[in-house]
C-alpha atoms as a PDB file:
ATOM      1  CA  MET A   1      72.433 -37.166 -22.883  1.00  0.00           C
ATOM      2  CA  ASN A   2      71.530 -39.163 -25.951  1.00  0.00           C
ATOM      3  CA  HIS A   3      67.969 -39.559 -27.209  1.00  0.00           C
ATOM      4  CA  THR A   4      67.448 -42.904 -25.449  1.00  0.00           C
ATOM      5  CA  GLU A   5      68.542 -41.426 -22.129  1.00  0.00           C
ATOM      6  CA  ILE A   6      66.199 -38.469 -22.596  1.00  0.00           C
ATOM      7  CA  LEU A   7      63.251 -40.760 -23.336  1.00  0.00           C
ATOM      8  CA  THR A   8      64.125 -43.064 -20.429  1.00  0.00           C
ATOM      9  CA  GLU A   9      64.419 -40.120 -18.063  1.00  0.00           C
ATOM     10  CA  SER A  10      61.063 -38.836 -19.346  1.00  0.00           C
ATOM     11  CA  VAL A  11      59.371 -42.080 -18.316  1.00  0.00           C
ATOM     12  CA  LEU A  12      61.098 -42.066 -14.922  1.00  0.00           C
ATOM     13  CA  THR A  13      60.026 -38.464 -14.389  1.00  0.00           C
ATOM     14  CA  LEU A  14      56.412 -39.370 -15.186  1.00  0.00           C
ATOM     15  CA  ARG A  15      56.437 -42.203 -12.684  1.00  0.00           C
ATOM     16  CA  ASP A  16      57.892 -39.897 -10.035  1.00  0.00           C
ATOM     17  CA  ARG A  17      55.337 -37.152 -10.757  1.00  0.00           C
ATOM     18  CA  ASP A  18      52.456 -39.632 -10.679  1.00  0.00           C
ATOM     19  CA  THR A  19      53.588 -40.789  -7.240  1.00  0.00           C
ATOM     20  CA  GLN A  20      53.975 -37.221  -5.979  1.00  0.00           C
ATOM     21  CA  TYR A  21      50.976 -35.516  -7.565  1.00  0.00           C
ATOM     22  CA  GLY A  22      48.592 -38.140  -8.926  1.00  0.00           C
ATOM     23  CA  SER A  23      47.637 -38.701 -12.536  1.00  0.00           C
ATOM     24  CA  MET A  24      48.586 -36.108 -15.117  1.00  0.00           C
ATOM     25  CA  GLU A  25      45.050 -36.136 -16.502  1.00  0.00           C
ATOM     26  CA  ASP A  26      43.557 -35.225 -13.109  1.00  0.00           C
ATOM     27  CA  THR A  27      46.283 -32.632 -12.512  1.00  0.00           C
ATOM     28  CA  MET A  28      45.732 -30.937 -15.883  1.00  0.00           C
ATOM     29  CA  ILE A  29      41.958 -30.931 -15.558  1.00  0.00           C
ATOM     30  CA  ARG A  30      42.264 -29.359 -12.105  1.00  0.00           C
ATOM     31  CA  ALA A  31      44.798 -26.809 -13.389  1.00  0.00           C
ATOM     32  CA  CYS A  32      42.454 -25.857 -16.239  1.00  0.00           C
ATOM     33  CA  GLU A  33      39.567 -25.398 -13.798  1.00  0.00           C
ATOM     34  CA  ILE A  34      41.736 -23.132 -11.625  1.00  0.00           C
ATOM     35  CA  PHE A  35      42.851 -21.189 -14.714  1.00  0.00           C
ATOM     36  CA  GLU A  36      39.226 -20.621 -15.681  1.00  0.00           C
ATOM     37  CA  MET A  37      38.319 -19.453 -12.161  1.00  0.00           C
ATOM     38  CA  ILE A  38      41.179 -16.947 -12.223  1.00  0.00           C
ATOM     39  CA  THR A  39      40.848 -15.657 -15.791  1.00  0.00           C
ATOM     40  CA  GLY A  40      37.259 -16.443 -16.739  1.00  0.00           C
ATOM     41  CA  LYS A  41      38.634 -18.164 -19.860  1.00  0.00           C
ATOM     42  CA  GLU A  42      38.437 -21.849 -20.646  1.00  0.00           C
ATOM     43  CA  LEU A  43      41.626 -23.800 -21.269  1.00  0.00           C
ATOM     44  CA  SER A  44      41.514 -27.431 -22.296  1.00  0.00           C
ATOM     45  CA  PRO A  45      44.019 -30.001 -21.004  1.00  0.00           C
ATOM     46  CA  TYR A  46      45.268 -30.263 -24.598  1.00  0.00           C
ATOM     47  CA  GLU A  47      45.909 -26.513 -24.749  1.00  0.00           C
ATOM     48  CA  ALA A  48      47.505 -26.537 -21.292  1.00  0.00           C
ATOM     49  CA  ASN A  49      50.007 -29.181 -22.375  1.00  0.00           C
ATOM     50  CA  ILE A  50      50.774 -27.333 -25.617  1.00  0.00           C
ATOM     51  CA  PHE A  51      51.384 -24.209 -23.529  1.00  0.00           C
ATOM     52  CA  MET A  52      53.699 -26.074 -21.152  1.00  0.00           C
ATOM     53  CA  HIS A  53      55.579 -27.576 -24.109  1.00  0.00           C
ATOM     54  CA  SER A  54      55.907 -24.044 -25.512  1.00  0.00           C
ATOM     55  CA  LEU A  55      57.325 -22.910 -22.179  1.00  0.00           C
ATOM     56  CA  LYS A  56      59.979 -25.626 -22.419  1.00  0.00           C
ATOM     57  CA  LEU A  57      60.799 -24.552 -25.993  1.00  0.00           C
ATOM     58  CA  SER A  58      61.168 -20.993 -24.770  1.00  0.00           C
ATOM     59  CA  ARG A  59      63.531 -22.130 -22.024  1.00  0.00           C
ATOM     60  CA  ILE A  60      65.586 -24.131 -24.530  1.00  0.00           C
ATOM     61  CA  ARG A  61      66.391 -20.897 -26.320  1.00  0.00           C
ATOM     62  CA  LYS A  62      68.022 -19.554 -23.141  1.00  0.00           C
ATOM     63  CA  SER A  63      69.408 -22.872 -21.794  1.00  0.00           C
ATOM     64  CA  PRO A  64      69.903 -25.310 -24.684  1.00  0.00           C
ATOM     65  CA  THR A  65      72.108 -27.688 -22.673  1.00  0.00           C
ATOM     66  CA  LYS A  66      69.697 -28.240 -19.771  1.00  0.00           C
ATOM     67  CA  PRO A  67      68.241 -31.786 -20.069  1.00  0.00           C
ATOM     68  CA  ASP A  68      65.133 -30.959 -18.000  1.00  0.00           C
ATOM     69  CA  ASN A  69      63.768 -28.806 -20.821  1.00  0.00           C
ATOM     70  CA  TYR A  70      63.852 -31.738 -23.238  1.00  0.00           C
ATOM     71  CA  ILE A  71      62.659 -34.319 -20.713  1.00  0.00           C
ATOM     72  CA  ASP A  72      59.646 -32.278 -19.657  1.00  0.00           C
ATOM     73  CA  GLY A  73      59.047 -31.119 -23.234  1.00  0.00           C
ATOM     74  CA  VAL A  74      58.724 -34.723 -24.422  1.00  0.00           C
ATOM     75  CA  ASN A  75      56.231 -35.440 -21.657  1.00  0.00           C
ATOM     76  CA  TYR A  76      54.075 -32.360 -22.261  1.00  0.00           C
ATOM     77  CA  LEU A  77      53.967 -33.097 -25.976  1.00  0.00           C
ATOM     78  CA  ALA A  78      53.019 -36.720 -25.314  1.00  0.00           C
ATOM     79  CA  PHE A  79      50.187 -35.641 -23.033  1.00  0.00           C
ATOM     80  CA  ALA A  80      49.011 -33.095 -25.600  1.00  0.00           C
ATOM     81  CA  GLY A  81      48.809 -35.969 -28.077  1.00  0.00           C
ATOM     82  CA  GLU A  82      46.882 -38.067 -25.598  1.00  0.00           C
ATOM     83  CA  PHE A  83      44.361 -35.303 -24.912  1.00  0.00           C
ATOM     84  CA  ALA A  84      44.106 -34.461 -28.629  1.00  0.00           C
ATOM     85  CA  THR A  85      43.100 -37.992 -29.499  1.00  0.00           C
ATOM     86  CA  LYS A  86      40.435 -37.866 -26.793  1.00  0.00           C
ATOM     87  CA  ALA A  87      39.115 -34.442 -27.790  1.00  0.00           C
ATOM     88  CA  ASP A  88      36.051 -33.780 -29.856  1.00  0.00           C
ATOM     89  CA  ALA A  89      37.157 -32.925 -33.401  1.00  0.00           C
ATOM     90  CA  ALA A  90      35.267 -29.597 -33.488  1.00  0.00           C
ATOM     91  CA  ASP A  91      36.748 -28.455 -30.181  1.00  0.00           C
ATOM     92  CA  LEU A  92      40.195 -29.473 -31.350  1.00  0.00           C
ATOM     93  CA  ALA A  93      39.818 -27.517 -34.597  1.00  0.00           C
ATOM     94  CA  ILE A  94      38.966 -24.362 -32.632  1.00  0.00           C
ATOM     95  CA  SER A  95      41.886 -24.965 -30.255  1.00  0.00           C
ATOM     96  CA  ASN A  96      44.247 -25.500 -33.167  1.00  0.00           C
ATOM     97  CA  GLU A  97      43.134 -22.285 -34.847  1.00  0.00           C
ATOM     98  CA  ILE A  98      43.837 -20.305 -31.661  1.00  0.00           C
ATOM     99  CA  LEU A  99      47.141 -22.104 -31.028  1.00  0.00           C
ATOM    100  CA  ASN A 100      48.329 -21.658 -34.607  1.00  0.00           C
ATOM    101  CA  SER A 101      47.682 -17.940 -34.392  1.00  0.00           C
ATOM    102  CA  GLY A 102      49.543 -17.731 -31.090  1.00  0.00           C
ATOM    103  CA  MET A 103      52.436 -19.834 -32.398  1.00  0.00           C
ATOM    104  CA  ARG A 104      52.824 -17.540 -35.421  1.00  0.00           C
ATOM    105  CA  ASP A 105      53.040 -14.556 -33.075  1.00  0.00           C
ATOM    106  CA  LEU A 106      55.581 -16.349 -30.851  1.00  0.00           C
ATOM    107  CA  VAL A 107      57.766 -17.339 -33.812  1.00  0.00           C
ATOM    108  CA  ASP A 108      57.674 -13.754 -35.060  1.00  0.00           C
ATOM    109  CA  GLN A 109      58.727 -12.481 -31.643  1.00  0.00           C
ATOM    110  CA  LEU A 110      61.531 -15.040 -31.302  1.00  0.00           C
ATOM    111  CA  ASN A 111      62.795 -14.096 -34.739  1.00  0.00           C
ATOM    112  CA  GLY A 112      62.734 -10.412 -33.828  1.00  0.00           C
ATOM    113  CA  SER A 113      60.059  -9.492 -36.357  1.00  0.00           C
ATOM    114  CA  GLY A 114      57.275  -9.061 -33.793  1.00  0.00           C
ATOM    115  CA  ALA A 115      56.355  -5.978 -31.818  1.00  0.00           C
END
């Protein structure tokens, strides 16, 4: 697939998911509420989308030729951007600090320098 096909398929996937599951915003907010009920920890829709994008990046390492990883990755990153621009700046700064720390640990692990 070329980049235009990946972006086109990303839009088509969003339309399909919206029809099947409802709006992504509602879905992510509900998922974050469920996460908090299970773990007792808050997770913002922004953080949830960054996590899901990270999952796709992790899968790319194992399956770099699978288009779904790129298609979904584009969508999760786009939604993270949408939620980030809606977020309160102070909340976003805290989220970014936590995510940056976690990303450093993940990069270390992927590079074999982590525990």
